[in-house]
Amino acid sequence: MTGDLDPAPAPARASTRRHVVVMGVSGCGKTTVAQGIARATGMVFAEADQFHSEANVAKMRAGQPLDDVDRWPWLEALAAWMSEQDEQGRSTVIACSALRRAYRDVLRSAPPTVQFVHLAGPPEVVRARLAVREGHYMPASLLDSQLRTLEPLEADESGVVLDLRCTPEQLVFHAVSWLGE
């Protein structure tokens, strides 16, 4: 988290295009931060939840966690979208849980480079946010499942861990600074 860990350095940019995934458990602020990064940098924003199949959404609404069979097509669609945007000369920022290394590996499979901004912090902070969140199909009851699934960024993954207790503005500032924008 900001000040707690030394983030991996952002890699030198081979081109002007880049792809960023703002990751973390449901309710940590991924969408707000990703939209802020998009506004600050001009990157194209996407909400990964919009790429889920109707069956995945129905499963989550019913309080059932997704399994890997559910996730693979979703992750492949996200990687394909980033690749398409890259081919069109656009940089992207996606709000996506990307909880496991294997999921991040799929996201990294298509575009030349993908970097991660992991919003992390105490579960009780996330629970409090989920308790007041409205209009989202992901029930707070699935938070424990996400916390069990979460695998922190590894040293060889280009990313930074930010403390979700910071304000959204601070998180965007730290992320954009780390990206060198």
C-alpha atoms as a PDB file:
ATOM      1  CA  MET A   1       0.000   0.000   0.000  1.00  0.00           C
ATOM      2  CA  THR A   2       1.161   3.511  -0.510  1.00  0.00           C
ATOM      3  CA  GLY A   3       4.073   3.989   1.834  1.00  0.00           C
ATOM      4  CA  ASP A   4       3.932   0.366   2.987  1.00  0.00           C
ATOM      5  CA  LEU A   5       5.439  -1.454   0.032  1.00  0.00           C
ATOM      6  CA  ASP A   6       7.947  -0.564  -2.603  1.00  0.00           C
ATOM      7  CA  PRO A   7       6.017  -0.865  -5.848  1.00  0.00           C
ATOM      8  CA  ALA A   8       7.612  -2.508  -8.826  1.00  0.00           C
ATOM      9  CA  PRO A   9       8.895   0.209 -11.135  1.00  0.00           C
ATOM     10  CA  ALA A  10       6.670   1.026 -14.060  1.00  0.00           C
ATOM     11  CA  PRO A  11       8.294  -0.455 -17.159  1.00  0.00           C
ATOM     12  CA  ALA A  12       9.723   1.813 -19.825  1.00  0.00           C
ATOM     13  CA  ARG A  13       7.102   2.474 -22.436  1.00  0.00           C
ATOM     14  CA  ALA A  14       7.873   1.003 -25.848  1.00  0.00           C
ATOM     15  CA  SER A  15       4.936   2.853 -27.365  1.00  0.00           C
ATOM     16  CA  THR A  16       2.469   5.490 -26.342  1.00  0.00           C
ATOM     17  CA  ARG A  17      -0.231   2.854 -25.780  1.00  0.00           C
ATOM     18  CA  ARG A  18      -0.671   1.234 -22.418  1.00  0.00           C
ATOM     19  CA  HIS A  19      -3.247  -0.824 -20.610  1.00  0.00           C
ATOM     20  CA  VAL A  20      -4.046  -0.568 -16.921  1.00  0.00           C
ATOM     21  CA  VAL A  21      -6.227  -2.801 -14.767  1.00  0.00           C
ATOM     22  CA  VAL A  22      -7.469  -1.330 -11.489  1.00  0.00           C
ATOM     23  CA  MET A  23      -7.959  -4.451  -9.397  1.00  0.00           C
ATOM     24  CA  GLY A  24      -9.247  -5.561  -6.027  1.00  0.00           C
ATOM     25  CA  VAL A  25     -12.262  -7.030  -4.308  1.00  0.00           C
ATOM     26  CA  SER A  26     -15.794  -5.805  -4.867  1.00  0.00           C
ATOM     27  CA  GLY A  27     -16.443  -2.483  -3.152  1.00  0.00           C
ATOM     28  CA  CYS A  28     -12.826  -1.310  -2.949  1.00  0.00           C
ATOM     29  CA  GLY A  29     -13.340   1.595  -5.389  1.00  0.00           C
ATOM     30  CA  LYS A  30     -12.062   0.119  -8.661  1.00  0.00           C
ATOM     31  CA  THR A  31     -14.590   1.842 -10.898  1.00  0.00           C
ATOM     32  CA  THR A  32     -14.201   5.263  -9.292  1.00  0.00           C
ATOM     33  CA  VAL A  33     -10.404   5.116  -9.487  1.00  0.00           C
ATOM     34  CA  ALA A  34     -10.333   3.698 -13.023  1.00  0.00           C
ATOM     35  CA  GLN A  35     -12.694   6.427 -14.227  1.00  0.00           C
ATOM     36  CA  GLY A  36     -10.460   9.023 -12.550  1.00  0.00           C
ATOM     37  CA  ILE A  37      -7.390   7.602 -14.281  1.00  0.00           C
ATOM     38  CA  ALA A  38      -9.255   7.692 -17.594  1.00  0.00           C
ATOM     39  CA  ARG A  39     -10.195  11.351 -17.082  1.00  0.00           C
ATOM     40  CA  ALA A  40      -6.634  12.271 -16.080  1.00  0.00           C
ATOM     41  CA  THR A  41      -4.901  10.415 -18.917  1.00  0.00           C
ATOM     42  CA  GLY A  42      -7.375  10.185 -21.786  1.00  0.00           C
ATOM     43  CA  MET A  43      -7.350   6.378 -21.644  1.00  0.00           C
ATOM     44  CA  VAL A  44     -10.491   4.538 -22.748  1.00  0.00           C
ATOM     45  CA  PHE A  45     -12.377   3.265 -19.686  1.00  0.00           C
ATOM     46  CA  ALA A  46     -14.183  -0.066 -19.429  1.00  0.00           C
ATOM     47  CA  GLU A  47     -16.058  -1.636 -16.551  1.00  0.00           C
ATOM     48  CA  ALA A  48     -15.227  -5.355 -16.567  1.00  0.00           C
ATOM     49  CA  ASP A  49     -18.619  -6.167 -15.059  1.00  0.00           C
ATOM     50  CA  GLN A  50     -20.166  -5.122 -18.390  1.00  0.00           C
ATOM     51  CA  PHE A  51     -18.340  -8.025 -20.079  1.00  0.00           C
ATOM     52  CA  HIS A  52     -19.944 -10.724 -17.894  1.00  0.00           C
ATOM     53  CA  SER A  53     -22.431 -13.094 -19.482  1.00  0.00           C
ATOM     54  CA  GLU A  54     -26.051 -12.973 -18.342  1.00  0.00           C
ATOM     55  CA  ALA A  55     -25.494 -16.358 -16.696  1.00  0.00           C
ATOM     56  CA  ASN A  56     -22.579 -14.981 -14.638  1.00  0.00           C
ATOM     57  CA  VAL A  57     -24.619 -11.977 -13.522  1.00  0.00           C
ATOM     58  CA  ALA A  58     -27.554 -14.214 -12.555  1.00  0.00           C
ATOM     59  CA  LYS A  59     -25.234 -16.471 -10.570  1.00  0.00           C
ATOM     60  CA  MET A  60     -23.740 -13.536  -8.644  1.00  0.00           C
ATOM     61  CA  ARG A  61     -27.182 -11.991  -8.024  1.00  0.00           C
ATOM     62  CA  ALA A  62     -28.164 -15.306  -6.462  1.00  0.00           C
ATOM     63  CA  GLY A  63     -25.204 -15.012  -4.082  1.00  0.00           C
ATOM     64  CA  GLN A  64     -23.182 -17.749  -5.777  1.00  0.00           C
ATOM     65  CA  PRO A  65     -19.488 -17.099  -6.382  1.00  0.00           C
ATOM     66  CA  LEU A  66     -18.201 -17.579  -9.911  1.00  0.00           C
ATOM     67  CA  ASP A  67     -15.841 -20.444 -10.574  1.00  0.00           C
ATOM     68  CA  ASP A  68     -13.004 -20.511 -13.081  1.00  0.00           C
ATOM     69  CA  VAL A  69     -15.197 -22.041 -15.793  1.00  0.00           C
ATOM     70  CA  ASP A  70     -17.396 -18.937 -15.480  1.00  0.00           C
ATOM     71  CA  ARG A  71     -14.440 -16.551 -15.465  1.00  0.00           C
ATOM     72  CA  TRP A  72     -12.272 -17.734 -18.386  1.00  0.00           C
ATOM     73  CA  PRO A  73     -14.528 -16.492 -21.232  1.00  0.00           C
ATOM     74  CA  TRP A  74     -15.025 -13.199 -19.365  1.00  0.00           C
ATOM     75  CA  LEU A  75     -11.283 -12.659 -18.920  1.00  0.00           C
ATOM     76  CA  GLU A  76     -10.593 -13.630 -22.533  1.00  0.00           C
ATOM     77  CA  ALA A  77     -13.189 -11.087 -23.688  1.00  0.00           C
ATOM     78  CA  LEU A  78     -11.454  -8.383 -21.639  1.00  0.00           C
ATOM     79  CA  ALA A  79      -8.037  -9.278 -23.074  1.00  0.00           C
ATOM     80  CA  ALA A  80      -9.504  -9.260 -26.593  1.00  0.00           C
ATOM     81  CA  TRP A  81     -11.057  -5.830 -25.980  1.00  0.00           C
ATOM     82  CA  MET A  82      -7.723  -4.406 -24.785  1.00  0.00           C
ATOM     83  CA  SER A  83      -6.017  -5.923 -27.817  1.00  0.00           C
ATOM     84  CA  GLU A  84      -8.600  -4.400 -30.176  1.00  0.00           C
ATOM     85  CA  GLN A  85      -8.170  -1.005 -28.536  1.00  0.00           C
ATOM     86  CA  ASP A  86      -4.387  -1.353 -28.786  1.00  0.00           C
ATOM     87  CA  GLU A  87      -4.629  -2.138 -32.504  1.00  0.00           C
ATOM     88  CA  GLN A  88      -6.659   1.055 -32.916  1.00  0.00           C
ATOM     89  CA  GLY A  89      -3.956   3.052 -31.132  1.00  0.00           C
ATOM     90  CA  ARG A  90      -5.872   3.509 -27.884  1.00  0.00           C
ATOM     91  CA  SER A  91      -4.730   3.055 -24.303  1.00  0.00           C
ATOM     92  CA  THR A  92      -7.177   1.546 -21.834  1.00  0.00           C
ATOM     93  CA  VAL A  93      -8.015   1.392 -18.161  1.00  0.00           C
ATOM     94  CA  ILE A  94     -10.313  -1.345 -16.861  1.00  0.00           C
ATOM     95  CA  ALA A  95     -11.967  -1.766 -13.470  1.00  0.00           C
ATOM     96  CA  CYS A  96     -11.632  -5.517 -12.929  1.00  0.00           C
ATOM     97  CA  SER A  97     -11.262  -7.680  -9.837  1.00  0.00           C
ATOM     98  CA  ALA A  98      -8.317  -9.683 -11.331  1.00  0.00           C
ATOM     99  CA  LEU A  99      -8.103 -11.537  -8.031  1.00  0.00           C
ATOM    100  CA  ARG A 100      -5.792 -14.391  -8.989  1.00  0.00           C
ATOM    101  CA  ARG A 101      -2.444 -14.480 -10.769  1.00  0.00           C
ATOM    102  CA  ALA A 102      -3.899 -16.836 -13.388  1.00  0.00           C
ATOM    103  CA  TYR A 103      -6.624 -14.290 -14.163  1.00  0.00           C
ATOM    104  CA  ARG A 104      -4.050 -11.505 -14.514  1.00  0.00           C
ATOM    105  CA  ASP A 105      -2.025 -13.758 -16.804  1.00  0.00           C
ATOM    106  CA  VAL A 106      -5.041 -14.006 -19.130  1.00  0.00           C
ATOM    107  CA  LEU A 107      -5.440 -10.226 -19.086  1.00  0.00           C
ATOM    108  CA  ARG A 108      -1.754  -9.822 -19.961  1.00  0.00           C
ATOM    109  CA  SER A 109      -1.998 -12.291 -22.839  1.00  0.00           C
ATOM    110  CA  ALA A 110      -3.176  -9.954 -25.602  1.00  0.00           C
ATOM    111  CA  PRO A 111      -1.891  -6.374 -25.449  1.00  0.00           C
ATOM    112  CA  PRO A 112       1.837  -5.660 -25.406  1.00  0.00           C
ATOM    113  CA  THR A 113       1.839  -4.576 -21.747  1.00  0.00           C
ATOM    114  CA  VAL A 114      -0.665  -4.521 -18.931  1.00  0.00           C
ATOM    115  CA  GLN A 115      -0.035  -2.834 -15.607  1.00  0.00           C
ATOM    116  CA  PHE A 116      -2.007  -3.288 -12.406  1.00  0.00           C
ATOM    117  CA  VAL A 117      -3.183  -0.844  -9.749  1.00  0.00           C
ATOM    118  CA  HIS A 118      -4.270  -2.957  -6.775  1.00  0.00           C
ATOM    119  CA  LEU A 119      -6.576  -1.231  -4.301  1.00  0.00           C
ATOM    120  CA  ALA A 120      -6.051  -3.047  -1.015  1.00  0.00           C
ATOM    121  CA  GLY A 121      -6.977  -2.448   2.590  1.00  0.00           C
ATOM    122  CA  PRO A 122      -8.825  -3.730   5.613  1.00  0.00           C
ATOM    123  CA  PRO A 123     -11.857  -5.960   4.937  1.00  0.00           C
ATOM    124  CA  GLU A 124     -13.938  -3.949   7.422  1.00  0.00           C
ATOM    125  CA  VAL A 125     -13.535  -0.833   5.252  1.00  0.00           C
ATOM    126  CA  VAL A 126     -14.771  -2.747   2.213  1.00  0.00           C
ATOM    127  CA  ARG A 127     -17.670  -4.245   4.191  1.00  0.00           C
ATOM    128  CA  ALA A 128     -18.760  -0.755   5.286  1.00  0.00           C
ATOM    129  CA  ARG A 129     -18.713   0.439   1.671  1.00  0.00           C
ATOM    130  CA  LEU A 130     -20.644  -2.582   0.443  1.00  0.00           C
ATOM    131  CA  ALA A 131     -23.280  -2.028   3.141  1.00  0.00           C
ATOM    132  CA  VAL A 132     -24.225   1.347   1.626  1.00  0.00           C
ATOM    133  CA  ARG A 133     -23.683   0.542  -2.057  1.00  0.00           C
ATOM    134  CA  GLU A 134     -26.818   0.486  -4.158  1.00  0.00           C
ATOM    135  CA  GLY A 135     -27.619  -0.754  -7.624  1.00  0.00           C
ATOM    136  CA  HIS A 136     -24.909  -3.415  -7.988  1.00  0.00           C
ATOM    137  CA  TYR A 137     -25.649  -7.094  -8.524  1.00  0.00           C
ATOM    138  CA  MET A 138     -22.672  -8.284  -6.468  1.00  0.00           C
ATOM    139  CA  PRO A 139     -23.982  -8.944  -2.939  1.00  0.00           C
ATOM    140  CA  ALA A 140     -21.840  -8.151   0.085  1.00  0.00           C
ATOM    141  CA  SER A 141     -22.167 -11.817   1.060  1.00  0.00           C
ATOM    142  CA  LEU A 142     -19.612 -12.723  -1.633  1.00  0.00           C
ATOM    143  CA  LEU A 143     -16.858 -10.534  -0.152  1.00  0.00           C
ATOM    144  CA  ASP A 144     -15.435 -13.373   1.970  1.00  0.00           C
ATOM    145  CA  SER A 145     -15.203 -15.554  -1.139  1.00  0.00           C
ATOM    146  CA  GLN A 146     -13.317 -12.796  -2.955  1.00  0.00           C
ATOM    147  CA  LEU A 147     -10.954 -12.256  -0.023  1.00  0.00           C
ATOM    148  CA  ARG A 148     -10.149 -15.999   0.020  1.00  0.00           C
ATOM    149  CA  THR A 149      -9.523 -15.944  -3.740  1.00  0.00           C
ATOM    150  CA  LEU A 150      -7.344 -12.803  -3.767  1.00  0.00           C
ATOM    151  CA  GLU A 151      -3.689 -13.400  -4.613  1.00  0.00           C
ATOM    152  CA  PRO A 152      -1.539 -10.285  -4.152  1.00  0.00           C
ATOM    153  CA  LEU A 153       0.576  -9.007  -7.016  1.00  0.00           C
ATOM    154  CA  GLU A 154       3.849 -10.857  -7.340  1.00  0.00           C
ATOM    155  CA  ALA A 155       7.252  -9.230  -7.779  1.00  0.00           C
ATOM    156  CA  ASP A 156       7.357  -9.978 -11.519  1.00  0.00           C
ATOM    157  CA  GLU A 157       3.958  -8.347 -12.169  1.00  0.00           C
ATOM    158  CA  SER A 158       4.060  -4.685 -13.175  1.00  0.00           C
ATOM    159  CA  GLY A 159       1.896  -3.057 -10.580  1.00  0.00           C
ATOM    160  CA  VAL A 160       1.456  -0.905  -7.540  1.00  0.00           C
ATOM    161  CA  VAL A 161      -0.542  -1.526  -4.365  1.00  0.00           C
ATOM    162  CA  LEU A 162      -2.474   1.487  -3.057  1.00  0.00           C
ATOM    163  CA  ASP A 163      -4.250   1.840   0.271  1.00  0.00           C
ATOM    164  CA  LEU A 164      -7.973   1.998  -0.429  1.00  0.00           C
ATOM    165  CA  ARG A 165      -8.437   4.091   2.708  1.00  0.00           C
ATOM    166  CA  CYS A 166      -7.058   7.062   0.745  1.00  0.00           C
ATOM    167  CA  THR A 167      -9.599   9.332  -0.893  1.00  0.00           C
ATOM    168  CA  PRO A 168     -10.490   8.557  -4.512  1.00  0.00           C
ATOM    169  CA  GLU A 169      -8.640  11.713  -5.558  1.00  0.00           C
ATOM    170  CA  GLN A 170      -5.505  10.599  -3.707  1.00  0.00           C
ATOM    171  CA  LEU A 171      -5.726   7.131  -5.245  1.00  0.00           C
ATOM    172  CA  VAL A 172      -6.040   8.567  -8.754  1.00  0.00           C
ATOM    173  CA  PHE A 173      -3.130  10.919  -8.079  1.00  0.00           C
ATOM    174  CA  HIS A 174      -0.910   8.069  -6.810  1.00  0.00           C
ATOM    175  CA  ALA A 175      -1.870   5.798  -9.707  1.00  0.00           C
ATOM    176  CA  VAL A 176      -1.300   8.443 -12.382  1.00  0.00           C
ATOM    177  CA  SER A 177       2.003   9.422 -10.744  1.00  0.00           C
ATOM    178  CA  TRP A 178       3.136   5.795 -10.687  1.00  0.00           C
ATOM    179  CA  LEU A 179       2.160   5.436 -14.340  1.00  0.00           C
ATOM    180  CA  GLY A 180       4.297   8.457 -15.124  1.00  0.00           C
ATOM    181  CA  GLU A 181       1.445  10.310 -16.780  1.00  0.00           C
END
